[in-house]
Amino acid sequence: MSTHTLDTLGLKCPQPILKVAIKAKELQPGDILEVMADCHSFPDDIKAWCSKTNKTLLVCADEGSGKFKAQIQF
C-alpha cells in the first residue's frame, strides 16, 4: 500500500476527474490517492466518481482559497 498525489490545480471540470480516472489505472488495491483541486464542482464530482467506481472517499476537505484536497482509497 502506498500513497500517491495528483495535482489538478488550475484544471476545470471535467479535467480533474479525468486525471483521477487515468491515474486510477496505475494504482493497486489499498493504495491512497491524494488529489488537490480548485474546480468549484470538484467535491461533488469526486463523490460521484467514487460512488460510481466503488472507491472509498476518505475525505474531501476545503483547504481555503477555493482549494480542495481529497483522499481516495483504492
PDB file of N, CA and C in Angstrom:
ATOM      1  N   MET A   1       0.844  -1.181   0.000  1.00  0.00           N
ATOM      2  CA  MET A   1       0.000   0.000   0.000  1.00  0.00           C
ATOM      3  C   MET A   1       0.885   1.239   0.000  1.00  0.00           C
ATOM      4  N   SER A   2       0.557   2.174  -0.884  1.00  0.00           N
ATOM      5  CA  SER A   2       1.323   3.417  -0.925  1.00  0.00           C
ATOM      6  C   SER A   2       0.385   4.590  -1.191  1.00  0.00           C
ATOM      7  N   THR A   3       0.916   5.773  -0.945  1.00  0.00           N
ATOM      8  CA  THR A   3       0.146   6.997  -1.154  1.00  0.00           C
ATOM      9  C   THR A   3       0.703   7.722  -2.367  1.00  0.00           C
ATOM     10  N   HIS A   4      -0.192   8.152  -3.233  1.00  0.00           N
ATOM     11  CA  HIS A   4       0.165   8.876  -4.452  1.00  0.00           C
ATOM     12  C   HIS A   4      -0.507  10.245  -4.408  1.00  0.00           C
ATOM     13  N   THR A   5       0.087  11.221  -5.064  1.00  0.00           N
ATOM     14  CA  THR A   5      -0.510  12.555  -5.121  1.00  0.00           C
ATOM     15  C   THR A   5      -0.785  12.935  -6.562  1.00  0.00           C
ATOM     16  N   LEU A   6      -1.819  13.731  -6.731  1.00  0.00           N
ATOM     17  CA  LEU A   6      -2.209  14.220  -8.048  1.00  0.00           C
ATOM     18  C   LEU A   6      -2.611  15.682  -7.907  1.00  0.00           C
ATOM     19  N   ASP A   7      -1.907  16.546  -8.611  1.00  0.00           N
ATOM     20  CA  ASP A   7      -2.174  17.984  -8.571  1.00  0.00           C
ATOM     21  C   ASP A   7      -2.986  18.362  -9.798  1.00  0.00           C
ATOM     22  N   THR A   8      -4.257  18.742  -9.568  1.00  0.00           N
ATOM     23  CA  THR A   8      -5.107  19.174 -10.680  1.00  0.00           C
ATOM     24  C   THR A   8      -5.459  20.655 -10.551  1.00  0.00           C
ATOM     25  N   LEU A   9      -4.664  21.388  -9.778  1.00  0.00           N
ATOM     26  CA  LEU A   9      -4.925  22.819  -9.610  1.00  0.00           C
ATOM     27  C   LEU A   9      -4.857  23.516 -10.963  1.00  0.00           C
ATOM     28  N   GLY A  10      -5.819  24.398 -11.199  1.00  0.00           N
ATOM     29  CA  GLY A  10      -5.872  25.131 -12.456  1.00  0.00           C
ATOM     30  C   GLY A  10      -6.708  24.455 -13.525  1.00  0.00           C
ATOM     31  N   LEU A  11      -7.095  23.206 -13.301  1.00  0.00           N
ATOM     32  CA  LEU A  11      -7.919  22.489 -14.272  1.00  0.00           C
ATOM     33  C   LEU A  11      -9.393  22.647 -13.918  1.00  0.00           C
ATOM     34  N   LYS A  12     -10.214  22.758 -14.919  1.00  0.00           N
ATOM     35  CA  LYS A  12     -11.655  22.915 -14.708  1.00  0.00           C
ATOM     36  C   LYS A  12     -12.392  21.659 -15.147  1.00  0.00           C
ATOM     37  N   CYS A  13     -13.588  21.486 -14.623  1.00  0.00           N
ATOM     38  CA  CYS A  13     -14.434  20.335 -14.908  1.00  0.00           C
ATOM     39  C   CYS A  13     -14.542  20.126 -16.423  1.00  0.00           C
ATOM     40  N   PRO A  14     -14.374  18.910 -16.877  1.00  0.00           N
ATOM     41  CA  PRO A  14     -14.246  17.634 -16.165  1.00  0.00           C
ATOM     42  C   PRO A  14     -12.800  17.154 -16.005  1.00  0.00           C
ATOM     43  N   GLN A  15     -11.835  17.999 -16.297  1.00  0.00           N
ATOM     44  CA  GLN A  15     -10.435  17.561 -16.319  1.00  0.00           C
ATOM     45  C   GLN A  15      -9.930  16.936 -15.016  1.00  0.00           C
ATOM     46  N   PRO A  16     -10.231  17.490 -13.827  1.00  0.00           N
ATOM     47  CA  PRO A  16      -9.725  16.838 -12.607  1.00  0.00           C
ATOM     48  C   PRO A  16     -10.173  15.377 -12.471  1.00  0.00           C
ATOM     49  N   ILE A  17     -11.428  15.100 -12.779  1.00  0.00           N
ATOM     50  CA  ILE A  17     -11.940  13.731 -12.666  1.00  0.00           C
ATOM     51  C   ILE A  17     -11.330  12.848 -13.739  1.00  0.00           C
ATOM     52  N   LEU A  18     -11.132  13.377 -14.934  1.00  0.00           N
ATOM     53  CA  LEU A  18     -10.479  12.594 -15.987  1.00  0.00           C
ATOM     54  C   LEU A  18      -9.056  12.223 -15.590  1.00  0.00           C
ATOM     55  N   LYS A  19      -8.346  13.155 -14.963  1.00  0.00           N
ATOM     56  CA  LYS A  19      -6.977  12.875 -14.484  1.00  0.00           C
ATOM     57  C   LYS A  19      -6.998  11.802 -13.391  1.00  0.00           C
ATOM     58  N   VAL A  20      -7.990  11.866 -12.503  1.00  0.00           N
ATOM     59  CA  VAL A  20      -8.133  10.844 -11.460  1.00  0.00           C
ATOM     60  C   VAL A  20      -8.376   9.478 -12.107  1.00  0.00           C
ATOM     61  N   ALA A  21      -9.254   9.424 -13.095  1.00  0.00           N
ATOM     62  CA  ALA A  21      -9.569   8.161 -13.762  1.00  0.00           C
ATOM     63  C   ALA A  21      -8.341   7.566 -14.450  1.00  0.00           C
ATOM     64  N   ILE A  22      -7.528   8.406 -15.056  1.00  0.00           N
ATOM     65  CA  ILE A  22      -6.302   7.931 -15.706  1.00  0.00           C
ATOM     66  C   ILE A  22      -5.316   7.409 -14.668  1.00  0.00           C
ATOM     67  N   LYS A  23      -5.128   8.161 -13.587  1.00  0.00           N
ATOM     68  CA  LYS A  23      -4.202   7.763 -12.517  1.00  0.00           C
ATOM     69  C   LYS A  23      -4.675   6.474 -11.843  1.00  0.00           C
ATOM     70  N   ALA A  24      -5.980   6.289 -11.749  1.00  0.00           N
ATOM     71  CA  ALA A  24      -6.551   5.111 -11.072  1.00  0.00           C
ATOM     72  C   ALA A  24      -6.067   3.814 -11.708  1.00  0.00           C
ATOM     73  N   LYS A  25      -5.791   3.837 -12.994  1.00  0.00           N
ATOM     74  CA  LYS A  25      -5.348   2.627 -13.696  1.00  0.00           C
ATOM     75  C   LYS A  25      -3.981   2.153 -13.219  1.00  0.00           C
ATOM     76  N   GLU A  26      -3.208   3.052 -12.597  1.00  0.00           N
ATOM     77  CA  GLU A  26      -1.861   2.724 -12.123  1.00  0.00           C
ATOM     78  C   GLU A  26      -1.841   2.221 -10.673  1.00  0.00           C
ATOM     79  N   LEU A  27      -2.962   2.357  -9.974  1.00  0.00           N
ATOM     80  CA  LEU A  27      -2.981   2.095  -8.535  1.00  0.00           C
ATOM     81  C   LEU A  27      -3.434   0.674  -8.213  1.00  0.00           C
ATOM     82  N   GLN A  28      -2.964   0.199  -7.066  1.00  0.00           N
ATOM     83  CA  GLN A  28      -3.273  -1.147  -6.589  1.00  0.00           C
ATOM     84  C   GLN A  28      -4.301  -1.060  -5.455  1.00  0.00           C
ATOM     85  N   PRO A  29      -5.027  -2.145  -5.205  1.00  0.00           N
ATOM     86  CA  PRO A  29      -5.954  -2.156  -4.064  1.00  0.00           C
ATOM     87  C   PRO A  29      -5.217  -1.790  -2.771  1.00  0.00           C
ATOM     88  N   GLY A  30      -5.827  -0.895  -2.009  1.00  0.00           N
ATOM     89  CA  GLY A  30      -5.244  -0.431  -0.759  1.00  0.00           C
ATOM     90  C   GLY A  30      -4.479   0.874  -0.897  1.00  0.00           C
ATOM     91  N   ASP A  31      -4.076   1.220  -2.126  1.00  0.00           N
ATOM     92  CA  ASP A  31      -3.374   2.486  -2.344  1.00  0.00           C
ATOM     93  C   ASP A  31      -4.294   3.665  -2.039  1.00  0.00           C
ATOM     94  N   ILE A  32      -3.677   4.786  -1.683  1.00  0.00           N
ATOM     95  CA  ILE A  32      -4.418   6.024  -1.433  1.00  0.00           C
ATOM     96  C   ILE A  32      -3.957   7.067  -2.438  1.00  0.00           C
ATOM     97  N   LEU A  33      -4.925   7.752  -3.034  1.00  0.00           N
ATOM     98  CA  LEU A  33      -4.636   8.843  -3.952  1.00  0.00           C
ATOM     99  C   LEU A  33      -5.094  10.140  -3.302  1.00  0.00           C
ATOM    100  N   GLU A  34      -4.163  11.081  -3.174  1.00  0.00           N
ATOM    101  CA  GLU A  34      -4.478  12.393  -2.627  1.00  0.00           C
ATOM    102  C   GLU A  34      -4.531  13.367  -3.798  1.00  0.00           C
ATOM    103  N   VAL A  35      -5.659  14.041  -3.953  1.00  0.00           N
ATOM    104  CA  VAL A  35      -5.885  14.929  -5.089  1.00  0.00           C
ATOM    105  C   VAL A  35      -6.091  16.354  -4.598  1.00  0.00           C
ATOM    106  N   MET A  36      -5.364  17.285  -5.205  1.00  0.00           N
ATOM    107  CA  MET A  36      -5.564  18.713  -4.948  1.00  0.00           C
ATOM    108  C   MET A  36      -6.293  19.296  -6.161  1.00  0.00           C
ATOM    109  N   ALA A  37      -7.332  20.084  -5.912  1.00  0.00           N
ATOM    110  CA  ALA A  37      -8.111  20.675  -6.993  1.00  0.00           C
ATOM    111  C   ALA A  37      -8.647  22.036  -6.569  1.00  0.00           C
ATOM    112  N   ASP A  38      -8.909  22.883  -7.559  1.00  0.00           N
ATOM    113  CA  ASP A  38      -9.534  24.174  -7.262  1.00  0.00           C
ATOM    114  C   ASP A  38     -10.763  24.431  -8.143  1.00  0.00           C
ATOM    115  N   CYS A  39     -11.264  23.371  -8.756  1.00  0.00           N
ATOM    116  CA  CYS A  39     -12.501  23.458  -9.535  1.00  0.00           C
ATOM    117  C   CYS A  39     -13.677  23.457  -8.549  1.00  0.00           C
ATOM    118  N   HIS A  40     -14.578  24.411  -8.689  1.00  0.00           N
ATOM    119  CA  HIS A  40     -15.677  24.557  -7.712  1.00  0.00           C
ATOM    120  C   HIS A  40     -16.581  23.332  -7.630  1.00  0.00           C
ATOM    121  N   SER A  41     -16.670  22.541  -8.696  1.00  0.00           N
ATOM    122  CA  SER A  41     -17.546  21.360  -8.677  1.00  0.00           C
ATOM    123  C   SER A  41     -16.813  20.090  -8.236  1.00  0.00           C
ATOM    124  N   PHE A  42     -15.525  20.191  -7.924  1.00  0.00           N
ATOM    125  CA  PHE A  42     -14.735  19.010  -7.591  1.00  0.00           C
ATOM    126  C   PHE A  42     -15.304  18.178  -6.438  1.00  0.00           C
ATOM    127  N   PRO A  43     -15.716  18.769  -5.317  1.00  0.00           N
ATOM    128  CA  PRO A  43     -16.238  17.920  -4.223  1.00  0.00           C
ATOM    129  C   PRO A  43     -17.399  17.025  -4.658  1.00  0.00           C
ATOM    130  N   ASP A  44     -18.351  17.587  -5.379  1.00  0.00           N
ATOM    131  CA  ASP A  44     -19.491  16.790  -5.846  1.00  0.00           C
ATOM    132  C   ASP A  44     -19.048  15.771  -6.890  1.00  0.00           C
ATOM    133  N   ASP A  45     -18.152  16.197  -7.779  1.00  0.00           N
ATOM    134  CA  ASP A  45     -17.687  15.308  -8.849  1.00  0.00           C
ATOM    135  C   ASP A  45     -16.917  14.120  -8.297  1.00  0.00           C
ATOM    136  N   ILE A  46     -16.050  14.343  -7.320  1.00  0.00           N
ATOM    137  CA  ILE A  46     -15.231  13.241  -6.792  1.00  0.00           C
ATOM    138  C   ILE A  46     -16.095  12.282  -5.973  1.00  0.00           C
ATOM    139  N   LYS A  47     -17.106  12.811  -5.273  1.00  0.00           N
ATOM    140  CA  LYS A  47     -18.036  11.937  -4.546  1.00  0.00           C
ATOM    141  C   LYS A  47     -18.781  11.033  -5.520  1.00  0.00           C
ATOM    142  N   ALA A  48     -19.248  11.604  -6.619  1.00  0.00           N
ATOM    143  CA  ALA A  48     -19.981  10.823  -7.627  1.00  0.00           C
ATOM    144  C   ALA A  48     -19.074   9.791  -8.287  1.00  0.00           C
ATOM    145  N   TRP A  49     -17.831  10.183  -8.592  1.00  0.00           N
ATOM    146  CA  TRP A  49     -16.896   9.252  -9.225  1.00  0.00           C
ATOM    147  C   TRP A  49     -16.589   8.078  -8.299  1.00  0.00           C
ATOM    148  N   CYS A  50     -16.341   8.364  -7.031  1.00  0.00           N
ATOM    149  CA  CYS A  50     -16.046   7.297  -6.066  1.00  0.00           C
ATOM    150  C   CYS A  50     -17.230   6.342  -5.925  1.00  0.00           C
ATOM    151  N   SER A  51     -18.418   6.891  -5.879  1.00  0.00           N
ATOM    152  CA  SER A  51     -19.612   6.059  -5.772  1.00  0.00           C
ATOM    153  C   SER A  51     -19.766   5.173  -7.002  1.00  0.00           C
ATOM    154  N   LYS A  52     -19.561   5.746  -8.166  1.00  0.00           N
ATOM    155  CA  LYS A  52     -19.713   5.017  -9.432  1.00  0.00           C
ATOM    156  C   LYS A  52     -18.665   3.918  -9.586  1.00  0.00           C
ATOM    157  N   THR A  53     -17.448   4.149  -9.090  1.00  0.00           N
ATOM    158  CA  THR A  53     -16.347   3.205  -9.288  1.00  0.00           C
ATOM    159  C   THR A  53     -16.078   2.327  -8.058  1.00  0.00           C
ATOM    160  N   ASN A  54     -16.907   2.464  -7.028  1.00  0.00           N
ATOM    161  CA  ASN A  54     -16.757   1.682  -5.784  1.00  0.00           C
ATOM    162  C   ASN A  54     -15.412   1.917  -5.100  1.00  0.00           C
ATOM    163  N   LYS A  55     -14.939   3.150  -5.125  1.00  0.00           N
ATOM    164  CA  LYS A  55     -13.738   3.542  -4.389  1.00  0.00           C
ATOM    165  C   LYS A  55     -14.194   4.242  -3.111  1.00  0.00           C
ATOM    166  N   THR A  56     -13.330   4.265  -2.105  1.00  0.00           N
ATOM    167  CA  THR A  56     -13.682   4.870  -0.824  1.00  0.00           C
ATOM    168  C   THR A  56     -13.129   6.283  -0.739  1.00  0.00           C
ATOM    169  N   LEU A  57     -14.025   7.253  -0.641  1.00  0.00           N
ATOM    170  CA  LEU A  57     -13.619   8.641  -0.438  1.00  0.00           C
ATOM    171  C   LEU A  57     -13.388   8.821   1.058  1.00  0.00           C
ATOM    172  N   LEU A  58     -12.133   8.904   1.446  1.00  0.00           N
ATOM    173  CA  LEU A  58     -11.787   9.032   2.863  1.00  0.00           C
ATOM    174  C   LEU A  58     -12.100  10.428   3.383  1.00  0.00           C
ATOM    175  N   VAL A  59     -11.780  11.435   2.570  1.00  0.00           N
ATOM    176  CA  VAL A  59     -12.027  12.823   2.959  1.00  0.00           C
ATOM    177  C   VAL A  59     -12.025  13.694   1.709  1.00  0.00           C
ATOM    178  N   CYS A  60     -12.832  14.725   1.746  1.00  0.00           N
ATOM    179  CA  CYS A  60     -12.775  15.790   0.746  1.00  0.00           C
ATOM    180  C   CYS A  60     -12.935  17.078   1.538  1.00  0.00           C
ATOM    181  N   ALA A  61     -11.821  17.768   1.720  1.00  0.00           N
ATOM    182  CA  ALA A  61     -11.802  18.926   2.609  1.00  0.00           C
ATOM    183  C   ALA A  61     -11.555  20.217   1.853  1.00  0.00           C
ATOM    184  N   ASP A  62     -12.212  21.267   2.312  1.00  0.00           N
ATOM    185  CA  ASP A  62     -11.986  22.612   1.789  1.00  0.00           C
ATOM    186  C   ASP A  62     -10.722  23.144   2.459  1.00  0.00           C
ATOM    187  N   GLU A  63      -9.704  23.388   1.670  1.00  0.00           N
ATOM    188  CA  GLU A  63      -8.417  23.854   2.190  1.00  0.00           C
ATOM    189  C   GLU A  63      -8.347  25.383   2.245  1.00  0.00           C
ATOM    190  N   GLY A  64      -9.426  26.067   1.857  1.00  0.00           N
ATOM    191  CA  GLY A  64      -9.441  27.521   1.820  1.00  0.00           C
ATOM    192  C   GLY A  64      -8.957  28.032   0.474  1.00  0.00           C
ATOM    193  N   SER A  65      -9.227  29.276   0.197  1.00  0.00           N
ATOM    194  CA  SER A  65      -8.831  29.920  -1.064  1.00  0.00           C
ATOM    195  C   SER A  65      -9.336  29.157  -2.283  1.00  0.00           C
ATOM    196  N   GLY A  66     -10.466  28.483  -2.154  1.00  0.00           N
ATOM    197  CA  GLY A  66     -11.051  27.774  -3.289  1.00  0.00           C
ATOM    198  C   GLY A  66     -10.372  26.463  -3.633  1.00  0.00           C
ATOM    199  N   LYS A  67      -9.527  25.955  -2.743  1.00  0.00           N
ATOM    200  CA  LYS A  67      -8.811  24.697  -2.999  1.00  0.00           C
ATOM    201  C   LYS A  67      -9.407  23.572  -2.163  1.00  0.00           C
ATOM    202  N   PHE A  68      -9.392  22.384  -2.757  1.00  0.00           N
ATOM    203  CA  PHE A  68      -9.915  21.188  -2.096  1.00  0.00           C
ATOM    204  C   PHE A  68      -8.863  20.093  -2.114  1.00  0.00           C
ATOM    205  N   LYS A  69      -8.882  19.260  -1.073  1.00  0.00           N
ATOM    206  CA  LYS A  69      -7.998  18.084  -1.025  1.00  0.00           C
ATOM    207  C   LYS A  69      -8.861  16.877  -0.742  1.00  0.00           C
ATOM    208  N   ALA A  70      -8.737  15.880  -1.609  1.00  0.00           N
ATOM    209  CA  ALA A  70      -9.473  14.639  -1.436  1.00  0.00           C
ATOM    210  C   ALA A  70      -8.504  13.490  -1.276  1.00  0.00           C
ATOM    211  N   GLN A  71      -8.894  12.501  -0.468  1.00  0.00           N
ATOM    212  CA  GLN A  71      -8.137  11.270  -0.326  1.00  0.00           C
ATOM    213  C   GLN A  71      -9.061  10.114  -0.668  1.00  0.00           C
ATOM    214  N   ILE A  72      -8.608   9.305  -1.623  1.00  0.00           N
ATOM    215  CA  ILE A  72      -9.396   8.184  -2.124  1.00  0.00           C
ATOM    216  C   ILE A  72      -8.615   6.905  -1.871  1.00  0.00           C
ATOM    217  N   GLN A  73      -9.278   5.902  -1.302  1.00  0.00           N
ATOM    218  CA  GLN A  73      -8.631   4.608  -1.116  1.00  0.00           C
ATOM    219  C   GLN A  73      -9.115   3.652  -2.184  1.00  0.00           C
ATOM    220  N   PHE A  74      -8.178   2.983  -2.783  1.00  0.00           N
ATOM    221  CA  PHE A  74      -8.482   2.032  -3.860  1.00  0.00           C
ATOM    222  C   PHE A  74      -8.529   0.614  -3.350  1.00  0.00           C
TER     223      PHE A  74
END
